[in-house]
Amino acid sequence: MNREGKTVELRRRVYHMNKKLGLVGSALALVCLSGASYAQTAGDSPKGSIVVVSKQELFPGAGYFHEKYVYTHPDCEGNVSVDYYGSEIDPNDEQLLAKEQQLCAQNRWFGDGSGGSDD
């Protein structure tokens, strides 16, 4: 292959690499911006907030649900995803918000997700 052919091949590779980097950069920016906008909508409650993502009644009429929700609090390092089975939750329940805040604070303090208490 002559010098001109090598230059053309190099330009193609650089073009494809830039294309991939642009795609990855765009995806990363989208994820970061959507997370930031979600955090802004969480509110300024001192106990944080809960947003129910999905809810499915497992046994119709029995009141047993599978719910996925996200707990957001300024002290947490990011949003906390929760996969919950049991009776239907109330996102405004003060006891539930206090418990999530306590777990968040313990996980932040210990840093390894171990919590710090056995309850």
Foldseek 3Di string as FASTA:
>chain_A
DDPVVVVVVVVVVVVVVVVVVVVVVVVVVVVVVVQVVVLVVQDADQLFWKDWPDWDAPDPPPQWIWTWIWTDDPLAPGIDIDTDIGHDDDRPDPVVSNVVSQQRVQCSVVVPSPRPDDD
